[in-house]
Amino acid sequence: MFTAVGLGAFGAHALRGHLDPDMAVVWQAAVQYHGWHAIALLGVGSLLVRFPNSRGFQLTAWLFVAGNLLFAGSLYVIALTGARSLGLITPLGGCAFLAGWAVFAWSAWRTVR
């Protein structure tokens, strides 16, 4: 969450006027997904304290980390460099996020039943 907040502030202040408006929107999307999934990682981490042997919750955490690196990371780089070819990586991060949420739902359902 620290890096999401820091990068959000960096984008709002240091990059103001330096990014093309379209790239500012890309930066904001990166910050938003980064932040939401950082919060989700806190929740999954809390569940792992309670259920330390849950492979599903462990996998969820790793998928959220991968999603942040691939999805948000590629968007940050695209916004700064304009290298739109990195957009080929972004959907892999989105798939990691989706897989993480699916694994989370399955694991939570199995844990509480």
Protein backbone atom coordinates (compact mmCIF):
# COMPACT_ATOMS: atom_id res chain seq x y z
CA MET A 1 0.00 0.00 0.00
CA PHE A 2 2.94 2.29 0.74
CA THR A 3 4.13 2.13 -2.88
CA ALA A 4 0.60 2.59 -4.23
CA VAL A 5 0.13 5.74 -2.15
CA GLY A 6 3.60 6.99 -3.02
CA LEU A 7 3.15 6.38 -6.74
CA GLY A 8 -0.29 7.98 -6.62
CA ALA A 9 1.15 11.10 -5.03
CA PHE A 10 4.08 11.07 -7.46
CA GLY A 11 1.67 10.95 -10.37
CA ALA A 12 -0.55 13.68 -8.97
CA HIS A 13 2.27 16.07 -8.14
CA ALA A 14 5.59 15.33 -9.82
CA LEU A 15 4.13 14.13 -13.10
CA ARG A 16 1.41 16.79 -13.35
CA GLY A 17 1.88 18.57 -16.63
CA HIS A 18 4.55 16.11 -17.79
CA LEU A 19 2.26 13.26 -18.81
CA ASP A 20 0.00 13.30 -21.82
CA PRO A 21 -3.62 13.29 -20.51
CA ASP A 22 -4.15 9.77 -21.90
CA MET A 23 -1.05 8.56 -20.06
CA ALA A 24 -2.22 10.24 -16.85
CA VAL A 25 -5.35 8.09 -17.08
CA VAL A 26 -3.15 5.00 -17.54
CA TRP A 27 -1.11 6.02 -14.47
CA GLN A 28 -4.29 6.46 -12.44
CA ALA A 29 -5.57 3.02 -13.48
CA ALA A 30 -2.26 1.48 -12.37
CA VAL A 31 -2.47 3.21 -8.98
CA GLN A 32 -6.09 2.17 -8.51
CA TYR A 33 -5.56 -1.54 -9.25
CA HIS A 34 -2.29 -1.51 -7.31
CA GLY A 35 -3.98 -0.03 -4.26
CA TRP A 36 -7.05 -2.27 -4.30
CA HIS A 37 -4.95 -5.39 -4.61
CA ALA A 38 -2.54 -4.23 -1.91
CA ILE A 39 -5.56 -3.96 0.41
CA ALA A 40 -6.71 -7.39 -0.76
CA LEU A 41 -3.26 -8.76 0.12
CA LEU A 42 -3.70 -7.43 3.66
CA GLY A 43 -6.95 -9.36 3.91
CA VAL A 44 -5.45 -12.54 2.50
CA GLY A 45 -2.48 -12.16 4.84
CA SER A 46 -4.88 -11.91 7.77
CA LEU A 47 -6.57 -15.11 6.64
CA LEU A 48 -3.19 -16.81 6.34
CA VAL A 49 -2.51 -15.98 10.00
CA ARG A 50 -5.71 -17.87 10.86
CA PHE A 51 -5.25 -20.61 8.23
CA PRO A 52 -1.48 -20.84 7.67
CA ASN A 53 -1.64 -24.12 5.75
CA SER A 54 -4.21 -22.93 3.22
CA ARG A 55 -2.59 -23.43 -0.15
CA GLY A 56 -5.49 -21.60 -1.74
CA PHE A 57 -4.91 -18.44 0.28
CA GLN A 58 -1.17 -18.73 -0.34
CA LEU A 59 -1.77 -19.03 -4.10
CA THR A 60 -4.19 -16.10 -3.96
CA ALA A 61 -1.51 -13.92 -2.38
CA TRP A 62 1.06 -14.84 -5.03
CA LEU A 63 -1.43 -14.23 -7.83
CA PHE A 64 -2.22 -10.77 -6.45
CA VAL A 65 1.51 -9.99 -6.22
CA ALA A 66 2.00 -11.19 -9.81
CA GLY A 67 -1.00 -9.15 -10.92
CA ASN A 68 0.38 -6.02 -9.32
CA LEU A 69 3.79 -6.51 -10.89
CA LEU A 70 2.49 -7.36 -14.36
CA PHE A 71 -0.67 -5.27 -14.59
CA ALA A 72 0.11 -2.15 -12.57
CA GLY A 73 3.83 -2.39 -13.29
CA SER A 74 3.35 -2.48 -17.04
CA LEU A 75 0.91 0.43 -16.89
CA TYR A 76 3.35 2.52 -14.87
CA VAL A 77 6.07 1.88 -17.44
CA ILE A 78 3.72 2.57 -20.36
CA ALA A 79 2.63 5.87 -18.80
CA LEU A 80 6.23 6.98 -18.24
CA THR A 81 7.74 5.80 -21.51
CA GLY A 82 4.86 5.60 -23.96
CA ALA A 83 6.05 2.08 -24.87
CA ARG A 84 2.62 0.75 -25.73
CA SER A 85 4.11 -2.59 -26.79
CA LEU A 86 4.29 -3.38 -23.07
CA GLY A 87 0.52 -3.49 -23.24
CA LEU A 88 0.97 -7.13 -24.23
CA ILE A 89 2.02 -7.83 -20.62
CA THR A 90 -0.88 -5.98 -19.00
CA PRO A 91 -3.54 -8.65 -19.73
CA LEU A 92 -1.33 -11.29 -18.09
CA GLY A 93 -1.52 -9.25 -14.91
CA GLY A 94 -5.27 -8.91 -15.31
CA CYS A 95 -5.52 -12.68 -15.67
CA ALA A 96 -3.45 -13.10 -12.50
CA PHE A 97 -5.88 -10.80 -10.67
CA LEU A 98 -8.88 -12.75 -11.98
CA ALA A 99 -7.30 -16.08 -11.12
CA GLY A 100 -6.44 -14.76 -7.66
CA TRP A 101 -10.05 -13.78 -7.02
CA ALA A 102 -11.33 -17.12 -8.31
CA VAL A 103 -8.88 -19.05 -6.11
CA PHE A 104 -9.79 -16.81 -3.18
CA ALA A 105 -13.53 -17.46 -3.62
CA TRP A 106 -12.99 -21.21 -3.93
CA SER A 107 -10.66 -21.30 -0.91
CA ALA A 108 -12.97 -19.19 1.23
CA TRP A 109 -15.93 -21.39 0.33
CA ARG A 110 -13.98 -24.56 1.19
CA THR A 111 -12.74 -23.07 4.45
CA VAL A 112 -16.13 -21.99 5.82
CA ARG A 113 -18.23 -24.96 4.80
